[in-house]
Amino acid sequence: MPTEREKMIAGELYNGSDKELVEARKFAREQCLKLNSKSPSELETLYDEIIVSLFGVQSDVTLTPPFHCDYGHNIKLGRNVYFNFNGVVLDVAPVTIGDNVLFGPNVQILTALHPMDATTRRSGLEYGAPISIGNDVWVGGGAIICPGVTIGDGAVIGAGSVVTKDIPEYSLAVGNPCKVIRRLSE
């Protein structure tokens, strides 16, 4: 029988009140609080420790506080990733971020979903869909990336966009809902 965590990662309905998941979210929130509450000089000495605790591996990611996530360990970071102020990642499903990716302030990456059926939703069960962001992507400030979306290499997402569908590589996409308005050179 799969654990609630295994069901969560697989995109199946799971119970978010499961003790293991509650403890994992608590740990991630403690790490985010540590990151978000330190002065820049204090953060210099603790930054690498917080990154390893949060993501499970050493990374050259730059997180400009405040930053928030559900679990951290479900986020796979490429090299040279930058999150500006107020980054939010709800990582109940895997989030894969490529190399050289820039996130403007107030970007939200949301893998979490709730059932459309009110009875099931009332039961407390939830699920998620993974998000994949390619290499050399720039996501403008205030953008929201919805569950199950893939953004291709070299894409640019305009500020304030709500990305509900896959965005092809080397595309400029803007709006709500986000739509491709032109092809970019590679």
N, C-alpha and C. Protein backbone atom coordinates (compact mmCIF):
# COMPACT_ATOMS: atom_id res chain seq x y z
N MET A 1 0.85 -1.18 0.00
CA MET A 1 0.00 0.00 0.00
C MET A 1 0.90 1.24 0.00
N PRO A 2 0.71 2.14 -0.96
CA PRO A 2 1.57 3.33 -1.02
C PRO A 2 1.28 4.30 0.14
N THR A 3 2.33 4.99 0.55
CA THR A 3 2.16 6.01 1.59
C THR A 3 1.47 7.23 0.99
N GLU A 4 1.02 8.13 1.86
CA GLU A 4 0.40 9.37 1.38
C GLU A 4 1.41 10.20 0.60
N ARG A 5 2.66 10.18 1.03
CA ARG A 5 3.72 10.90 0.31
C ARG A 5 3.91 10.32 -1.08
N GLU A 6 3.94 9.00 -1.19
CA GLU A 6 4.09 8.36 -2.50
C GLU A 6 2.92 8.69 -3.42
N LYS A 7 1.71 8.69 -2.85
CA LYS A 7 0.53 9.07 -3.65
C LYS A 7 0.62 10.52 -4.10
N MET A 8 1.09 11.39 -3.20
CA MET A 8 1.22 12.81 -3.52
C MET A 8 2.18 13.01 -4.70
N ILE A 9 3.35 12.40 -4.63
CA ILE A 9 4.36 12.55 -5.69
C ILE A 9 3.86 11.95 -7.00
N ALA A 10 3.06 10.91 -6.93
CA ALA A 10 2.53 10.25 -8.14
C ALA A 10 1.35 11.00 -8.75
N GLY A 11 0.88 12.07 -8.10
CA GLY A 11 -0.24 12.83 -8.64
C GLY A 11 -1.59 12.22 -8.34
N GLU A 12 -1.63 11.32 -7.38
CA GLU A 12 -2.89 10.68 -6.99
C GLU A 12 -3.52 11.45 -5.83
N LEU A 13 -4.79 11.20 -5.58
CA LEU A 13 -5.42 11.79 -4.40
C LEU A 13 -4.70 11.30 -3.15
N TYR A 14 -4.43 12.24 -2.25
CA TYR A 14 -3.74 11.91 -1.01
C TYR A 14 -4.31 12.76 0.12
N ASN A 15 -4.02 12.34 1.34
CA ASN A 15 -4.47 13.05 2.53
C ASN A 15 -3.35 13.98 3.02
N GLY A 16 -3.53 15.29 2.82
CA GLY A 16 -2.53 16.27 3.23
C GLY A 16 -2.34 16.38 4.73
N SER A 17 -3.26 15.78 5.51
CA SER A 17 -3.15 15.79 6.97
C SER A 17 -2.31 14.64 7.51
N ASP A 18 -1.79 13.81 6.60
CA ASP A 18 -0.93 12.70 7.01
C ASP A 18 0.23 13.23 7.85
N LYS A 19 0.55 12.53 8.92
CA LYS A 19 1.56 12.98 9.88
C LYS A 19 2.92 13.23 9.21
N GLU A 20 3.35 12.33 8.34
CA GLU A 20 4.64 12.50 7.66
C GLU A 20 4.66 13.78 6.82
N LEU A 21 3.56 14.05 6.11
CA LEU A 21 3.48 15.24 5.27
C LEU A 21 3.40 16.51 6.12
N VAL A 22 2.66 16.47 7.20
CA VAL A 22 2.57 17.63 8.10
C VAL A 22 3.96 17.96 8.65
N GLU A 23 4.70 16.95 9.07
CA GLU A 23 6.05 17.17 9.60
C GLU A 23 6.99 17.71 8.52
N ALA A 24 6.88 17.20 7.30
CA ALA A 24 7.74 17.67 6.21
C ALA A 24 7.44 19.13 5.88
N ARG A 25 6.17 19.51 5.86
CA ARG A 25 5.81 20.92 5.61
C ARG A 25 6.29 21.82 6.74
N LYS A 26 6.17 21.32 7.96
CA LYS A 26 6.64 22.08 9.12
C LYS A 26 8.14 22.33 9.00
N PHE A 27 8.90 21.31 8.63
CA PHE A 27 10.35 21.45 8.47
C PHE A 27 10.67 22.49 7.40
N ALA A 28 9.98 22.40 6.25
CA ALA A 28 10.23 23.36 5.16
C ALA A 28 9.90 24.78 5.60
N ARG A 29 8.82 24.95 6.33
CA ARG A 29 8.44 26.29 6.80
C ARG A 29 9.47 26.83 7.79
N GLU A 30 10.02 25.94 8.62
CA GLU A 30 11.07 26.37 9.54
C GLU A 30 12.31 26.84 8.77
N GLN A 31 12.66 26.12 7.71
CA GLN A 31 13.82 26.52 6.90
C GLN A 31 13.55 27.84 6.19
N CYS A 32 12.34 28.00 5.65
CA CYS A 32 11.98 29.26 4.99
C CYS A 32 11.98 30.41 5.99
N LEU A 33 11.47 30.17 7.19
CA LEU A 33 11.48 31.19 8.23
C LEU A 33 12.91 31.61 8.56
N LYS A 34 13.79 30.63 8.66
CA LYS A 34 15.20 30.93 8.92
C LYS A 34 15.77 31.82 7.81
N LEU A 35 15.48 31.44 6.57
CA LEU A 35 15.94 32.21 5.41
C LEU A 35 15.36 33.62 5.43
N ASN A 36 14.07 33.73 5.71
CA ASN A 36 13.35 34.99 5.59
C ASN A 36 13.57 35.94 6.76
N SER A 37 14.06 35.43 7.89
CA SER A 37 14.15 36.27 9.09
C SER A 37 15.56 36.77 9.39
N LYS A 38 16.54 36.33 8.65
CA LYS A 38 17.92 36.71 8.92
C LYS A 38 18.31 37.98 8.17
N SER A 39 19.19 38.73 8.79
CA SER A 39 19.75 39.89 8.11
C SER A 39 20.70 39.38 7.02
N PRO A 40 20.99 40.22 6.02
CA PRO A 40 21.91 39.77 4.97
C PRO A 40 23.25 39.27 5.51
N SER A 41 23.79 39.91 6.53
CA SER A 41 25.08 39.46 7.07
C SER A 41 24.94 38.12 7.80
N GLU A 42 23.84 37.93 8.52
CA GLU A 42 23.60 36.64 9.19
C GLU A 42 23.38 35.54 8.16
N LEU A 43 22.69 35.89 7.09
CA LEU A 43 22.34 34.91 6.06
C LEU A 43 23.58 34.39 5.33
N GLU A 44 24.61 35.22 5.21
CA GLU A 44 25.84 34.80 4.52
C GLU A 44 26.38 33.51 5.10
N THR A 45 26.39 33.37 6.42
CA THR A 45 26.96 32.18 7.05
C THR A 45 26.01 30.99 7.07
N LEU A 46 24.69 31.24 6.97
CA LEU A 46 23.70 30.16 7.07
C LEU A 46 23.12 29.73 5.73
N TYR A 47 23.33 30.51 4.69
CA TYR A 47 22.63 30.32 3.42
C TYR A 47 22.81 28.90 2.88
N ASP A 48 24.05 28.43 2.74
CA ASP A 48 24.29 27.10 2.17
C ASP A 48 23.63 26.00 3.00
N GLU A 49 23.68 26.13 4.32
CA GLU A 49 23.05 25.15 5.20
C GLU A 49 21.53 25.10 4.98
N ILE A 50 20.92 26.27 4.85
CA ILE A 50 19.47 26.35 4.62
C ILE A 50 19.12 25.73 3.27
N ILE A 51 19.90 26.03 2.24
CA ILE A 51 19.64 25.50 0.89
C ILE A 51 19.69 23.97 0.91
N VAL A 52 20.71 23.40 1.53
CA VAL A 52 20.83 21.94 1.60
C VAL A 52 19.67 21.35 2.40
N SER A 53 19.31 21.97 3.51
CA SER A 53 18.20 21.48 4.32
C SER A 53 16.88 21.53 3.56
N LEU A 54 16.68 22.60 2.80
CA LEU A 54 15.42 22.79 2.10
C LEU A 54 15.30 21.92 0.86
N PHE A 55 16.33 21.89 0.02
CA PHE A 55 16.27 21.20 -1.27
C PHE A 55 16.93 19.83 -1.27
N GLY A 56 17.65 19.51 -0.21
CA GLY A 56 18.26 18.19 -0.11
C GLY A 56 19.60 18.06 -0.82
N VAL A 57 20.02 19.12 -1.52
CA VAL A 57 21.31 19.11 -2.22
C VAL A 57 21.90 20.53 -2.20
N GLN A 58 23.19 20.62 -2.36
CA GLN A 58 23.84 21.92 -2.51
C GLN A 58 23.46 22.49 -3.87
N SER A 59 23.22 23.78 -3.92
CA SER A 59 22.80 24.42 -5.16
C SER A 59 23.32 25.85 -5.18
N ASP A 60 23.52 26.37 -6.39
CA ASP A 60 23.92 27.77 -6.51
C ASP A 60 22.70 28.67 -6.73
N VAL A 61 21.53 28.20 -6.35
CA VAL A 61 20.30 29.00 -6.45
C VAL A 61 20.44 30.26 -5.60
N THR A 62 19.85 31.34 -6.09
CA THR A 62 19.76 32.57 -5.31
C THR A 62 18.29 32.79 -4.97
N LEU A 63 18.01 32.79 -3.69
CA LEU A 63 16.66 33.05 -3.18
C LEU A 63 16.69 34.41 -2.48
N THR A 64 15.99 35.38 -3.03
CA THR A 64 15.90 36.68 -2.38
C THR A 64 14.71 36.63 -1.44
N PRO A 65 14.96 36.70 -0.13
CA PRO A 65 13.86 36.60 0.82
C PRO A 65 12.83 37.71 0.63
N PRO A 66 11.56 37.43 0.93
CA PRO A 66 11.06 36.15 1.41
C PRO A 66 10.82 35.14 0.29
N PHE A 67 10.97 33.88 0.65
CA PHE A 67 10.72 32.74 -0.23
C PHE A 67 9.91 31.73 0.57
N HIS A 68 8.95 31.09 -0.08
CA HIS A 68 8.11 30.10 0.60
C HIS A 68 7.90 28.88 -0.29
N CYS A 69 7.89 27.70 0.32
CA CYS A 69 7.55 26.47 -0.40
C CYS A 69 6.91 25.50 0.57
N ASP A 70 6.23 24.48 0.01
CA ASP A 70 5.58 23.48 0.84
C ASP A 70 6.56 22.46 1.41
N TYR A 71 7.43 21.93 0.55
CA TYR A 71 8.31 20.84 0.96
C TYR A 71 9.78 21.09 0.63
N GLY A 72 10.07 21.72 -0.47
CA GLY A 72 11.45 21.97 -0.87
C GLY A 72 12.09 20.80 -1.58
N HIS A 73 12.00 19.61 -0.97
CA HIS A 73 12.64 18.43 -1.54
C HIS A 73 12.00 17.98 -2.86
N ASN A 74 10.83 18.49 -3.19
CA ASN A 74 10.19 18.15 -4.46
C ASN A 74 10.57 19.13 -5.58
N ILE A 75 11.50 20.04 -5.28
CA ILE A 75 11.97 21.02 -6.25
C ILE A 75 13.36 20.61 -6.72
N LYS A 76 13.50 20.38 -8.03
CA LYS A 76 14.81 20.03 -8.61
C LYS A 76 15.31 21.26 -9.35
N LEU A 77 16.43 21.80 -8.88
CA LEU A 77 16.97 23.04 -9.41
C LEU A 77 18.16 22.79 -10.32
N GLY A 78 18.17 23.47 -11.46
CA GLY A 78 19.34 23.49 -12.32
C GLY A 78 20.36 24.47 -11.75
N ARG A 79 21.35 24.78 -12.54
CA ARG A 79 22.40 25.72 -12.12
C ARG A 79 21.94 27.16 -12.40
N ASN A 80 22.41 28.06 -11.56
CA ASN A 80 22.22 29.49 -11.79
C ASN A 80 20.74 29.88 -11.89
N VAL A 81 19.98 29.49 -10.88
CA VAL A 81 18.55 29.84 -10.80
C VAL A 81 18.41 31.01 -9.84
N TYR A 82 17.59 31.99 -10.22
CA TYR A 82 17.40 33.19 -9.41
C TYR A 82 15.91 33.43 -9.14
N PHE A 83 15.55 33.51 -7.85
CA PHE A 83 14.20 33.89 -7.43
C PHE A 83 14.28 35.27 -6.81
N ASN A 84 13.55 36.23 -7.36
CA ASN A 84 13.47 37.55 -6.77
C ASN A 84 12.52 37.49 -5.57
N PHE A 85 12.25 38.63 -4.93
CA PHE A 85 11.42 38.70 -3.73
C PHE A 85 10.08 37.97 -3.89
N ASN A 86 9.63 37.36 -2.79
CA ASN A 86 8.29 36.77 -2.68
C ASN A 86 8.04 35.59 -3.60
N GLY A 87 9.04 34.77 -3.84
CA GLY A 87 8.84 33.55 -4.61
C GLY A 87 8.03 32.55 -3.80
N VAL A 88 7.06 31.91 -4.46
CA VAL A 88 6.22 30.89 -3.82
C VAL A 88 6.21 29.66 -4.71
N VAL A 89 6.55 28.50 -4.11
CA VAL A 89 6.49 27.24 -4.84
C VAL A 89 5.69 26.25 -4.00
N LEU A 90 4.48 25.91 -4.48
CA LEU A 90 3.69 24.87 -3.83
C LEU A 90 4.06 23.57 -4.52
N ASP A 91 4.98 22.85 -3.90
CA ASP A 91 5.60 21.69 -4.53
C ASP A 91 5.07 20.36 -3.99
N VAL A 92 3.75 20.17 -4.08
CA VAL A 92 3.19 18.87 -3.70
C VAL A 92 3.48 17.84 -4.78
N ALA A 93 3.72 18.30 -5.99
CA ALA A 93 4.17 17.44 -7.10
C ALA A 93 5.56 17.96 -7.49
N PRO A 94 6.32 17.16 -8.23
CA PRO A 94 7.67 17.60 -8.61
C PRO A 94 7.67 18.89 -9.43
N VAL A 95 8.63 19.75 -9.10
CA VAL A 95 8.89 20.97 -9.85
C VAL A 95 10.33 20.87 -10.36
N THR A 96 10.49 20.90 -11.67
CA THR A 96 11.82 20.83 -12.27
C THR A 96 12.13 22.15 -12.93
N ILE A 97 13.26 22.74 -12.54
CA ILE A 97 13.67 24.04 -13.06
C ILE A 97 15.05 23.87 -13.68
N GLY A 98 15.19 24.29 -14.93
CA GLY A 98 16.44 24.13 -15.66
C GLY A 98 17.52 25.11 -15.24
N ASP A 99 18.56 25.20 -16.05
CA ASP A 99 19.69 26.09 -15.81
C ASP A 99 19.36 27.51 -16.28
N ASN A 100 19.97 28.48 -15.61
CA ASN A 100 19.90 29.89 -16.02
C ASN A 100 18.47 30.40 -16.12
N VAL A 101 17.69 30.13 -15.08
CA VAL A 101 16.28 30.54 -15.05
C VAL A 101 16.14 31.72 -14.09
N LEU A 102 15.40 32.73 -14.53
CA LEU A 102 15.16 33.93 -13.74
C LEU A 102 13.68 34.05 -13.43
N PHE A 103 13.36 34.27 -12.15
CA PHE A 103 11.99 34.50 -11.71
C PHE A 103 11.91 35.91 -11.14
N GLY A 104 11.00 36.72 -11.67
CA GLY A 104 10.79 38.06 -11.14
C GLY A 104 10.13 37.99 -9.77
N PRO A 105 9.89 39.15 -9.16
CA PRO A 105 9.24 39.16 -7.84
C PRO A 105 7.81 38.67 -7.93
N ASN A 106 7.36 38.06 -6.84
CA ASN A 106 5.97 37.61 -6.68
C ASN A 106 5.55 36.51 -7.66
N VAL A 107 6.49 35.73 -8.15
CA VAL A 107 6.14 34.61 -9.02
C VAL A 107 5.64 33.45 -8.16
N GLN A 108 4.57 32.81 -8.63
CA GLN A 108 4.00 31.65 -7.95
C GLN A 108 4.06 30.44 -8.87
N ILE A 109 4.61 29.35 -8.36
CA ILE A 109 4.66 28.07 -9.07
C ILE A 109 3.79 27.12 -8.26
N LEU A 110 2.66 26.71 -8.84
CA LEU A 110 1.63 26.04 -8.06
C LEU A 110 1.31 24.66 -8.63
N THR A 111 1.76 23.61 -7.98
CA THR A 111 1.45 22.25 -8.44
C THR A 111 0.20 21.70 -7.77
N ALA A 112 -0.26 22.33 -6.70
CA ALA A 112 -1.36 21.79 -5.90
C ALA A 112 -2.71 21.96 -6.60
N LEU A 113 -3.53 20.91 -6.48
CA LEU A 113 -4.88 20.90 -7.04
C LEU A 113 -5.85 20.33 -6.01
N HIS A 114 -7.10 20.73 -6.12
CA HIS A 114 -8.16 20.17 -5.29
C HIS A 114 -9.22 19.60 -6.22
N PRO A 115 -9.90 18.54 -5.81
CA PRO A 115 -10.92 17.92 -6.66
C PRO A 115 -12.01 18.90 -7.05
N MET A 116 -12.51 18.76 -8.26
CA MET A 116 -13.62 19.60 -8.73
C MET A 116 -14.93 19.21 -8.05
N ASP A 117 -15.06 17.95 -7.71
CA ASP A 117 -16.25 17.44 -7.05
C ASP A 117 -16.25 17.90 -5.59
N ALA A 118 -17.31 18.60 -5.19
CA ALA A 118 -17.37 19.18 -3.84
C ALA A 118 -17.31 18.12 -2.74
N THR A 119 -17.93 16.98 -2.95
CA THR A 119 -17.93 15.93 -1.93
C THR A 119 -16.52 15.43 -1.68
N THR A 120 -15.79 15.16 -2.76
CA THR A 120 -14.41 14.70 -2.62
C THR A 120 -13.55 15.80 -2.01
N ARG A 121 -13.74 17.02 -2.45
CA ARG A 121 -12.98 18.16 -1.93
C ARG A 121 -13.21 18.31 -0.43
N ARG A 122 -14.45 18.16 -0.01
CA ARG A 122 -14.81 18.27 1.41
C ARG A 122 -14.13 17.19 2.24
N SER A 123 -13.81 16.06 1.64
CA SER A 123 -13.15 14.96 2.36
C SER A 123 -11.72 15.30 2.78
N GLY A 124 -11.17 16.37 2.20
CA GLY A 124 -9.80 16.76 2.54
C GLY A 124 -8.75 16.19 1.62
N LEU A 125 -9.17 15.35 0.67
CA LEU A 125 -8.20 14.80 -0.27
C LEU A 125 -7.80 15.86 -1.28
N GLU A 126 -6.57 15.80 -1.72
CA GLU A 126 -6.04 16.72 -2.72
C GLU A 126 -5.08 15.97 -3.61
N TYR A 127 -4.56 16.65 -4.63
CA TYR A 127 -3.58 16.04 -5.52
C TYR A 127 -2.78 17.15 -6.18
N GLY A 128 -1.84 16.78 -7.03
CA GLY A 128 -1.04 17.79 -7.70
C GLY A 128 -0.61 17.30 -9.07
N ALA A 129 -0.09 18.23 -9.87
CA ALA A 129 0.45 17.91 -11.19
C ALA A 129 1.80 18.61 -11.34
N PRO A 130 2.79 17.90 -11.85
CA PRO A 130 4.15 18.45 -11.92
C PRO A 130 4.27 19.64 -12.86
N ILE A 131 5.27 20.45 -12.61
CA ILE A 131 5.61 21.60 -13.44
C ILE A 131 7.06 21.44 -13.88
N SER A 132 7.31 21.72 -15.16
CA SER A 132 8.67 21.66 -15.69
C SER A 132 8.99 22.96 -16.40
N ILE A 133 10.12 23.55 -16.03
CA ILE A 133 10.56 24.81 -16.62
C ILE A 133 11.95 24.56 -17.21
N GLY A 134 12.10 24.81 -18.51
CA GLY A 134 13.34 24.51 -19.22
C GLY A 134 14.48 25.44 -18.87
N ASN A 135 15.56 25.32 -19.62
CA ASN A 135 16.75 26.15 -19.46
C ASN A 135 16.51 27.54 -20.04
N ASP A 136 17.20 28.53 -19.49
CA ASP A 136 17.24 29.89 -20.03
C ASP A 136 15.86 30.54 -20.13
N VAL A 137 15.00 30.25 -19.17
CA VAL A 137 13.65 30.82 -19.13
C VAL A 137 13.66 32.05 -18.22
N TRP A 138 12.88 33.05 -18.60
CA TRP A 138 12.67 34.24 -17.77
C TRP A 138 11.17 34.36 -17.52
N VAL A 139 10.81 34.38 -16.24
CA VAL A 139 9.41 34.51 -15.83
C VAL A 139 9.26 35.88 -15.17
N GLY A 140 8.46 36.74 -15.77
CA GLY A 140 8.28 38.10 -15.28
C GLY A 140 7.53 38.17 -13.96
N GLY A 141 7.70 39.28 -13.28
CA GLY A 141 7.10 39.50 -11.97
C GLY A 141 5.60 39.27 -11.95
N GLY A 142 5.14 38.64 -10.87
CA GLY A 142 3.72 38.44 -10.66
C GLY A 142 3.09 37.33 -11.49
N ALA A 143 3.90 36.61 -12.25
CA ALA A 143 3.35 35.52 -13.06
C ALA A 143 2.94 34.35 -12.15
N ILE A 144 1.94 33.62 -12.61
CA ILE A 144 1.47 32.42 -11.91
C ILE A 144 1.58 31.26 -12.88
N ILE A 145 2.28 30.21 -12.46
CA ILE A 145 2.44 29.02 -13.28
C ILE A 145 1.57 27.94 -12.64
N CYS A 146 0.57 27.49 -13.39
CA CYS A 146 -0.44 26.56 -12.86
C CYS A 146 0.00 25.10 -12.97
N PRO A 147 -0.67 24.21 -12.24
CA PRO A 147 -0.32 22.79 -12.20
C PRO A 147 -0.28 22.15 -13.59
N GLY A 148 0.71 21.28 -13.78
CA GLY A 148 0.80 20.47 -14.98
C GLY A 148 1.44 21.15 -16.18
N VAL A 149 1.92 22.37 -16.02
CA VAL A 149 2.47 23.15 -17.13
C VAL A 149 3.93 22.81 -17.38
N THR A 150 4.31 22.82 -18.67
CA THR A 150 5.71 22.74 -19.09
C THR A 150 6.03 24.01 -19.87
N ILE A 151 7.13 24.64 -19.50
CA ILE A 151 7.61 25.82 -20.21
C ILE A 151 8.93 25.43 -20.87
N GLY A 152 9.00 25.59 -22.20
CA GLY A 152 10.16 25.16 -22.97
C GLY A 152 11.38 26.06 -22.80
N ASP A 153 12.54 25.54 -23.20
CA ASP A 153 13.79 26.27 -23.15
C ASP A 153 13.66 27.64 -23.81
N GLY A 154 14.31 28.64 -23.22
CA GLY A 154 14.41 29.96 -23.82
C GLY A 154 13.14 30.77 -23.85
N ALA A 155 12.07 30.28 -23.24
CA ALA A 155 10.80 31.02 -23.26
C ALA A 155 10.86 32.22 -22.31
N VAL A 156 10.05 33.22 -22.62
CA VAL A 156 9.87 34.39 -21.75
C VAL A 156 8.39 34.49 -21.44
N ILE A 157 8.09 34.58 -20.15
CA ILE A 157 6.71 34.72 -19.69
C ILE A 157 6.54 36.15 -19.19
N GLY A 158 5.60 36.89 -19.76
CA GLY A 158 5.39 38.29 -19.40
C GLY A 158 4.90 38.46 -17.98
N ALA A 159 5.23 39.61 -17.40
CA ALA A 159 4.81 39.95 -16.05
C ALA A 159 3.29 39.85 -15.92
N GLY A 160 2.84 39.28 -14.82
CA GLY A 160 1.42 39.18 -14.53
C GLY A 160 0.69 38.09 -15.28
N SER A 161 1.39 37.30 -16.07
CA SER A 161 0.73 36.25 -16.85
C SER A 161 0.27 35.10 -15.96
N VAL A 162 -0.79 34.43 -16.39
CA VAL A 162 -1.27 33.22 -15.73
C VAL A 162 -1.11 32.08 -16.73
N VAL A 163 -0.11 31.24 -16.47
CA VAL A 163 0.26 30.18 -17.40
C VAL A 163 -0.57 28.93 -17.08
N THR A 164 -1.54 28.64 -17.93
CA THR A 164 -2.45 27.51 -17.71
C THR A 164 -2.18 26.35 -18.66
N LYS A 165 -1.38 26.60 -19.72
CA LYS A 165 -1.07 25.57 -20.73
C LYS A 165 0.41 25.62 -21.05
N ASP A 166 0.91 24.53 -21.64
CA ASP A 166 2.32 24.45 -22.01
C ASP A 166 2.72 25.60 -22.93
N ILE A 167 3.94 26.08 -22.74
CA ILE A 167 4.50 27.14 -23.57
C ILE A 167 5.69 26.55 -24.32
N PRO A 168 5.69 26.64 -25.66
CA PRO A 168 6.79 26.06 -26.43
C PRO A 168 8.11 26.81 -26.20
N GLU A 169 9.19 26.13 -26.53
CA GLU A 169 10.50 26.74 -26.38
C GLU A 169 10.61 27.99 -27.25
N TYR A 170 11.47 28.91 -26.79
CA TYR A 170 11.78 30.15 -27.51
C TYR A 170 10.52 30.90 -27.96
N SER A 171 9.60 31.07 -27.02
CA SER A 171 8.37 31.81 -27.27
C SER A 171 8.24 32.92 -26.25
N LEU A 172 7.66 34.04 -26.68
CA LEU A 172 7.25 35.09 -25.77
C LEU A 172 5.76 34.88 -25.54
N ALA A 173 5.38 34.70 -24.28
CA ALA A 173 3.98 34.41 -23.94
C ALA A 173 3.54 35.38 -22.84
N VAL A 174 2.34 35.93 -23.01
CA VAL A 174 1.85 36.94 -22.06
C VAL A 174 0.35 36.78 -21.85
N GLY A 175 -0.15 37.36 -20.77
CA GLY A 175 -1.58 37.50 -20.58
C GLY A 175 -2.22 36.52 -19.62
N ASN A 176 -3.54 36.69 -19.48
CA ASN A 176 -4.35 35.84 -18.63
C ASN A 176 -5.61 35.46 -19.41
N PRO A 177 -5.65 34.22 -19.90
CA PRO A 177 -4.62 33.19 -19.80
C PRO A 177 -3.43 33.52 -20.71
N CYS A 178 -2.28 33.01 -20.33
CA CYS A 178 -1.04 33.27 -21.04
C CYS A 178 -1.09 32.64 -22.45
N LYS A 179 -0.73 33.45 -23.45
CA LYS A 179 -0.73 32.98 -24.84
C LYS A 179 0.56 33.40 -25.52
N VAL A 180 1.03 32.57 -26.41
CA VAL A 180 2.23 32.88 -27.20
C VAL A 180 1.89 34.02 -28.16
N ILE A 181 2.73 35.07 -28.14
CA ILE A 181 2.49 36.17 -29.09
C ILE A 181 3.57 36.25 -30.18
N ARG A 182 4.72 35.62 -29.93
CA ARG A 182 5.71 35.53 -31.00
C ARG A 182 6.81 34.56 -30.65
N ARG A 183 7.52 34.14 -31.68
CA ARG A 183 8.67 33.24 -31.54
C ARG A 183 9.89 34.09 -31.26
N LEU A 184 10.79 33.59 -30.40
CA LEU A 184 12.05 34.24 -30.09
C LEU A 184 13.20 33.52 -30.76
N SER A 185 14.27 34.21 -31.01
CA SER A 185 15.44 33.54 -31.62
C SER A 185 16.16 32.72 -30.55
N GLU A 186 16.76 31.66 -31.01
CA GLU A 186 17.47 30.76 -30.08
C GLU A 186 18.76 31.32 -29.70
